Amino acid sequence: MTLVLAIGLAIALEGAAYALFPEAMKRTLDMIFAEGVDRVRIMGAVSFAIGAAIVLATLNFS
């Protein structure tokens, strides 16, 4: 249940960013698409690690 709630929150926040700042989101996506595959992979891995650390820290302190 908590996982579904977290996924829903992530989707809602991302949707809000696109709804409120469409031009900035488009520029950000253009910058990402201009990067090489390896760099995008590294950015994804770092984002995953940060997110996983936040989730683990939250679970350990609650």
PDB file of N, CA and C in Angstrom:
ATOM      1  N   MET A   1       0.820  -1.200   0.000  1.00  0.00           N
ATOM      2  CA  MET A   1       0.000   0.000   0.000  1.00  0.00           C
ATOM      3  C   MET A   1       0.864   1.265   0.000  1.00  0.00           C
ATOM      4  N   THR A   2       1.907   1.258   0.846  1.00  0.00           N
ATOM      5  CA  THR A   2       2.772   2.426   0.931  1.00  0.00           C
ATOM      6  C   THR A   2       3.526   2.652  -0.375  1.00  0.00           C
ATOM      7  N   LEU A   3       3.937   1.571  -1.013  1.00  0.00           N
ATOM      8  CA  LEU A   3       4.643   1.697  -2.290  1.00  0.00           C
ATOM      9  C   LEU A   3       3.744   2.337  -3.346  1.00  0.00           C
ATOM     10  N   VAL A   4       2.506   1.912  -3.410  1.00  0.00           N
ATOM     11  CA  VAL A   4       1.554   2.481  -4.369  1.00  0.00           C
ATOM     12  C   VAL A   4       1.333   3.959  -4.070  1.00  0.00           C
ATOM     13  N   LEU A   5       1.246   4.304  -2.797  1.00  0.00           N
ATOM     14  CA  LEU A   5       1.080   5.697  -2.396  1.00  0.00           C
ATOM     15  C   LEU A   5       2.290   6.528  -2.816  1.00  0.00           C
ATOM     16  N   ALA A   6       3.482   5.992  -2.625  1.00  0.00           N
ATOM     17  CA  ALA A   6       4.706   6.703  -3.008  1.00  0.00           C
ATOM     18  C   ALA A   6       4.784   6.902  -4.519  1.00  0.00           C
ATOM     19  N   ILE A   7       4.425   5.881  -5.270  1.00  0.00           N
ATOM     20  CA  ILE A   7       4.439   5.998  -6.736  1.00  0.00           C
ATOM     21  C   ILE A   7       3.420   7.044  -7.188  1.00  0.00           C
ATOM     22  N   GLY A   8       2.248   7.017  -6.597  1.00  0.00           N
ATOM     23  CA  GLY A   8       1.229   8.013  -6.932  1.00  0.00           C
ATOM     24  C   GLY A   8       1.696   9.425  -6.621  1.00  0.00           C
ATOM     25  N   LEU A   9       2.364   9.601  -5.485  1.00  0.00           N
ATOM     26  CA  LEU A   9       2.876  10.920  -5.124  1.00  0.00           C
ATOM     27  C   LEU A   9       3.944  11.381  -6.112  1.00  0.00           C
ATOM     28  N   ALA A  10       4.834  10.482  -6.502  1.00  0.00           N
ATOM     29  CA  ALA A  10       5.879  10.830  -7.472  1.00  0.00           C
ATOM     30  C   ALA A  10       5.267  11.256  -8.805  1.00  0.00           C
ATOM     31  N   ILE A  11       4.261  10.523  -9.258  1.00  0.00           N
ATOM     32  CA  ILE A  11       3.606  10.858 -10.525  1.00  0.00           C
ATOM     33  C   ILE A  11       2.882  12.200 -10.410  1.00  0.00           C
ATOM     34  N   ALA A  12       2.223  12.437  -9.276  1.00  0.00           N
ATOM     35  CA  ALA A  12       1.510  13.699  -9.073  1.00  0.00           C
ATOM     36  C   ALA A  12       2.476  14.882  -9.063  1.00  0.00           C
ATOM     37  N   LEU A  13       3.601  14.731  -8.388  1.00  0.00           N
ATOM     38  CA  LEU A  13       4.580  15.821  -8.343  1.00  0.00           C
ATOM     39  C   LEU A  13       5.187  16.092  -9.713  1.00  0.00           C
ATOM     40  N   GLU A  14       5.479  15.038 -10.442  1.00  0.00           N
ATOM     41  CA  GLU A  14       6.022  15.236 -11.787  1.00  0.00           C
ATOM     42  C   GLU A  14       4.979  15.889 -12.695  1.00  0.00           C
ATOM     43  N   GLY A  15       3.752  15.449 -12.580  1.00  0.00           N
ATOM     44  CA  GLY A  15       2.684  16.059 -13.373  1.00  0.00           C
ATOM     45  C   GLY A  15       2.495  17.532 -13.036  1.00  0.00           C
ATOM     46  N   ALA A  16       2.605  17.859 -11.752  1.00  0.00           N
ATOM     47  CA  ALA A  16       2.480  19.261 -11.341  1.00  0.00           C
ATOM     48  C   ALA A  16       3.598  20.099 -11.941  1.00  0.00           C
ATOM     49  N   ALA A  17       4.807  19.556 -11.981  1.00  0.00           N
ATOM     50  CA  ALA A  17       5.924  20.291 -12.581  1.00  0.00           C
ATOM     51  C   ALA A  17       5.662  20.582 -14.056  1.00  0.00           C
ATOM     52  N   TYR A  18       5.157  19.594 -14.781  1.00  0.00           N
ATOM     53  CA  TYR A  18       4.837  19.801 -16.203  1.00  0.00           C
ATOM     54  C   TYR A  18       3.682  20.789 -16.379  1.00  0.00           C
ATOM     55  N   ALA A  19       2.694  20.735 -15.499  1.00  0.00           N
ATOM     56  CA  ALA A  19       1.538  21.635 -15.610  1.00  0.00           C
ATOM     57  C   ALA A  19       1.908  23.080 -15.263  1.00  0.00           C
ATOM     58  N   LEU A  20       2.741  23.253 -14.245  1.00  0.00           N
ATOM     59  CA  LEU A  20       3.079  24.602 -13.785  1.00  0.00           C
ATOM     60  C   LEU A  20       4.237  25.236 -14.552  1.00  0.00           C
ATOM     61  N   PHE A  21       5.181  24.432 -15.022  1.00  0.00           N
ATOM     62  CA  PHE A  21       6.384  24.951 -15.670  1.00  0.00           C
ATOM     63  C   PHE A  21       6.681  24.206 -16.973  1.00  0.00           C
ATOM     64  N   PRO A  22       5.778  24.247 -17.946  1.00  0.00           N
ATOM     65  CA  PRO A  22       5.974  23.449 -19.160  1.00  0.00           C
ATOM     66  C   PRO A  22       7.218  23.837 -19.965  1.00  0.00           C
ATOM     67  N   GLU A  23       7.508  25.120 -20.043  1.00  0.00           N
ATOM     68  CA  GLU A  23       8.682  25.551 -20.820  1.00  0.00           C
ATOM     69  C   GLU A  23       9.971  25.083 -20.156  1.00  0.00           C
ATOM     70  N   ALA A  24      10.058  25.222 -18.847  1.00  0.00           N
ATOM     71  CA  ALA A  24      11.256  24.788 -18.128  1.00  0.00           C
ATOM     72  C   ALA A  24      11.431  23.275 -18.232  1.00  0.00           C
ATOM     73  N   MET A  25      10.344  22.538 -18.156  1.00  0.00           N
ATOM     74  CA  MET A  25      10.432  21.080 -18.268  1.00  0.00           C
ATOM     75  C   MET A  25      10.885  20.679 -19.666  1.00  0.00           C
ATOM     76  N   LYS A  26      10.394  21.389 -20.690  1.00  0.00           N
ATOM     77  CA  LYS A  26      10.810  21.091 -22.061  1.00  0.00           C
ATOM     78  C   LYS A  26      12.288  21.376 -22.247  1.00  0.00           C
ATOM     79  N   ARG A  27      12.764  22.493 -21.704  1.00  0.00           N
ATOM     80  CA  ARG A  27      14.203  22.813 -21.795  1.00  0.00           C
ATOM     81  C   ARG A  27      15.040  21.752 -21.079  1.00  0.00           C
ATOM     82  N   THR A  28      14.553  21.310 -19.923  1.00  0.00           N
ATOM     83  CA  THR A  28      15.278  20.282 -19.173  1.00  0.00           C
ATOM     84  C   THR A  28      15.351  18.988 -19.966  1.00  0.00           C
ATOM     85  N   LEU A  29      14.233  18.590 -20.562  1.00  0.00           N
ATOM     86  CA  LEU A  29      14.228  17.371 -21.376  1.00  0.00           C
ATOM     87  C   LEU A  29      15.139  17.507 -22.588  1.00  0.00           C
ATOM     88  N   ASP A  30      15.147  18.680 -23.209  1.00  0.00           N
ATOM     89  CA  ASP A  30      16.038  18.906 -24.351  1.00  0.00           C
ATOM     90  C   ASP A  30      17.503  18.758 -23.934  1.00  0.00           C
ATOM     91  N   MET A  31      17.845  19.273 -22.746  1.00  0.00           N
ATOM     92  CA  MET A  31      19.218  19.143 -22.254  1.00  0.00           C
ATOM     93  C   MET A  31      19.553  17.677 -21.987  1.00  0.00           C
ATOM     94  N   ILE A  32      18.616  16.933 -21.429  1.00  0.00           N
ATOM     95  CA  ILE A  32      18.855  15.510 -21.150  1.00  0.00           C
ATOM     96  C   ILE A  32      19.048  14.747 -22.447  1.00  0.00           C
ATOM     97  N   PHE A  33      18.187  15.003 -23.449  1.00  0.00           N
ATOM     98  CA  PHE A  33      18.283  14.292 -24.720  1.00  0.00           C
ATOM     99  C   PHE A  33      19.572  14.644 -25.466  1.00  0.00           C
ATOM    100  N   ALA A  34      20.149  15.809 -25.186  1.00  0.00           N
ATOM    101  CA  ALA A  34      21.391  16.205 -25.844  1.00  0.00           C
ATOM    102  C   ALA A  34      22.606  15.500 -25.245  1.00  0.00           C
ATOM    103  N   GLU A  35      22.459  14.956 -24.052  1.00  0.00           N
ATOM    104  CA  GLU A  35      23.565  14.258 -23.384  1.00  0.00           C
ATOM    105  C   GLU A  35      23.770  12.877 -24.001  1.00  0.00           C
ATOM    106  N   GLY A  36      24.942  12.338 -23.785  1.00  0.00           N
ATOM    107  CA  GLY A  36      25.238  10.991 -24.251  1.00  0.00           C
ATOM    108  C   GLY A  36      24.532   9.958 -23.370  1.00  0.00           C
ATOM    109  N   VAL A  37      24.412   8.758 -23.903  1.00  0.00           N
ATOM    110  CA  VAL A  37      23.708   7.682 -23.199  1.00  0.00           C
ATOM    111  C   VAL A  37      24.386   7.367 -21.866  1.00  0.00           C
ATOM    112  N   ASP A  38      25.695   7.327 -21.845  1.00  0.00           N
ATOM    113  CA  ASP A  38      26.404   7.002 -20.610  1.00  0.00           C
ATOM    114  C   ASP A  38      26.153   8.045 -19.522  1.00  0.00           C
ATOM    115  N   ARG A  39      26.136   9.296 -19.915  1.00  0.00           N
ATOM    116  CA  ARG A  39      25.890  10.370 -18.931  1.00  0.00           C
ATOM    117  C   ARG A  39      24.461  10.296 -18.393  1.00  0.00           C
ATOM    118  N   VAL A  40      23.501  10.022 -19.257  1.00  0.00           N
ATOM    119  CA  VAL A  40      22.114   9.872 -18.810  1.00  0.00           C
ATOM    120  C   VAL A  40      21.999   8.677 -17.859  1.00  0.00           C
ATOM    121  N   ARG A  41      22.706   7.594 -18.169  1.00  0.00           N
ATOM    122  CA  ARG A  41      22.697   6.422 -17.302  1.00  0.00           C
ATOM    123  C   ARG A  41      23.252   6.761 -15.922  1.00  0.00           C
ATOM    124  N   ILE A  42      24.333   7.536 -15.882  1.00  0.00           N
ATOM    125  CA  ILE A  42      24.928   7.939 -14.607  1.00  0.00           C
ATOM    126  C   ILE A  42      23.955   8.829 -13.827  1.00  0.00           C
ATOM    127  N   MET A  43      23.318   9.776 -14.500  1.00  0.00           N
ATOM    128  CA  MET A  43      22.349  10.637 -13.829  1.00  0.00           C
ATOM    129  C   MET A  43      21.199   9.812 -13.262  1.00  0.00           C
ATOM    130  N   GLY A  44      20.747   8.822 -14.013  1.00  0.00           N
ATOM    131  CA  GLY A  44      19.681   7.944 -13.537  1.00  0.00           C
ATOM    132  C   GLY A  44      20.107   7.134 -12.334  1.00  0.00           C
ATOM    133  N   ALA A  45      21.329   6.620 -12.362  1.00  0.00           N
ATOM    134  CA  ALA A  45      21.836   5.830 -11.240  1.00  0.00           C
ATOM    135  C   ALA A  45      21.977   6.687  -9.979  1.00  0.00           C
ATOM    136  N   VAL A  46      22.455   7.914 -10.144  1.00  0.00           N
ATOM    137  CA  VAL A  46      22.589   8.818  -9.000  1.00  0.00           C
ATOM    138  C   VAL A  46      21.217   9.172  -8.438  1.00  0.00           C
ATOM    139  N   SER A  47      20.258   9.462  -9.322  1.00  0.00           N
ATOM    140  CA  SER A  47      18.900   9.763  -8.867  1.00  0.00           C
ATOM    141  C   SER A  47      18.290   8.584  -8.129  1.00  0.00           C
ATOM    142  N   PHE A  48      18.505   7.387  -8.658  1.00  0.00           N
ATOM    143  CA  PHE A  48      18.008   6.183  -7.999  1.00  0.00           C
ATOM    144  C   PHE A  48      18.632   6.024  -6.617  1.00  0.00           C
ATOM    145  N   ALA A  49      19.939   6.225  -6.522  1.00  0.00           N
ATOM    146  CA  ALA A  49      20.633   6.070  -5.239  1.00  0.00           C
ATOM    147  C   ALA A  49      20.125   7.072  -4.208  1.00  0.00           C
ATOM    148  N   ILE A  50      19.917   8.312  -4.629  1.00  0.00           N
ATOM    149  CA  ILE A  50      19.401   9.330  -3.709  1.00  0.00           C
ATOM    150  C   ILE A  50      17.998   8.963  -3.251  1.00  0.00           C
ATOM    151  N   GLY A  51      17.154   8.579  -4.186  1.00  0.00           N
ATOM    152  CA  GLY A  51      15.791   8.186  -3.834  1.00  0.00           C
ATOM    153  C   GLY A  51      15.747   6.984  -2.918  1.00  0.00           C
ATOM    154  N   ALA A  52      16.563   5.983  -3.215  1.00  0.00           N
ATOM    155  CA  ALA A  52      16.610   4.784  -2.369  1.00  0.00           C
ATOM    156  C   ALA A  52      17.113   5.130  -0.972  1.00  0.00           C
ATOM    157  N   ALA A  53      18.100   6.016  -0.875  1.00  0.00           N
ATOM    158  CA  ALA A  53      18.615   6.425   0.435  1.00  0.00           C
ATOM    159  C   ALA A  53      17.545   7.154   1.245  1.00  0.00           C
ATOM    160  N   ILE A  54      16.762   7.998   0.583  1.00  0.00           N
ATOM    161  CA  ILE A  54      15.679   8.696   1.281  1.00  0.00           C
ATOM    162  C   ILE A  54      14.645   7.715   1.788  1.00  0.00           C
ATOM    163  N   VAL A  55      14.264   6.753   0.942  1.00  0.00           N
ATOM    164  CA  VAL A  55      13.277   5.761   1.353  1.00  0.00           C
ATOM    165  C   VAL A  55      13.807   4.929   2.516  1.00  0.00           C
ATOM    166  N   LEU A  56      15.040   4.450   2.434  1.00  0.00           N
ATOM    167  CA  LEU A  56      15.607   3.636   3.509  1.00  0.00           C
ATOM    168  C   LEU A  56      15.737   4.432   4.802  1.00  0.00           C
ATOM    169  N   ALA A  57      16.178   5.681   4.703  1.00  0.00           N
ATOM    170  CA  ALA A  57      16.295   6.512   5.896  1.00  0.00           C
ATOM    171  C   ALA A  57      14.934   6.734   6.532  1.00  0.00           C
ATOM    172  N   THR A  58      13.925   6.962   5.700  1.00  0.00           N
ATOM    173  CA  THR A  58      12.573   7.189   6.227  1.00  0.00           C
ATOM    174  C   THR A  58      12.053   5.919   6.911  1.00  0.00           C
ATOM    175  N   LEU A  59      12.281   4.773   6.318  1.00  0.00           N
ATOM    176  CA  LEU A  59      11.815   3.525   6.920  1.00  0.00           C
ATOM    177  C   LEU A  59      12.550   3.209   8.220  1.00  0.00           C
ATOM    178  N   ASN A  60      13.843   3.545   8.283  1.00  0.00           N
ATOM    179  CA  ASN A  60      14.619   3.264   9.487  1.00  0.00           C
ATOM    180  C   ASN A  60      14.289   4.199  10.640  1.00  0.00           C
ATOM    181  N   PHE A  61      13.843   5.416  10.341  1.00  0.00           N
ATOM    182  CA  PHE A  61      13.555   6.380  11.398  1.00  0.00           C
ATOM    183  C   PHE A  61      12.090   6.453  11.772  1.00  0.00           C
ATOM    184  N   SER A  62      11.257   5.638  11.147  1.00  0.00           N
ATOM    185  CA  SER A  62       9.837   5.692  11.486  1.00  0.00           C
ATOM    186  C   SER A  62       9.398   4.487  12.266  1.00  0.00           C
TER     187      SER A  62
END
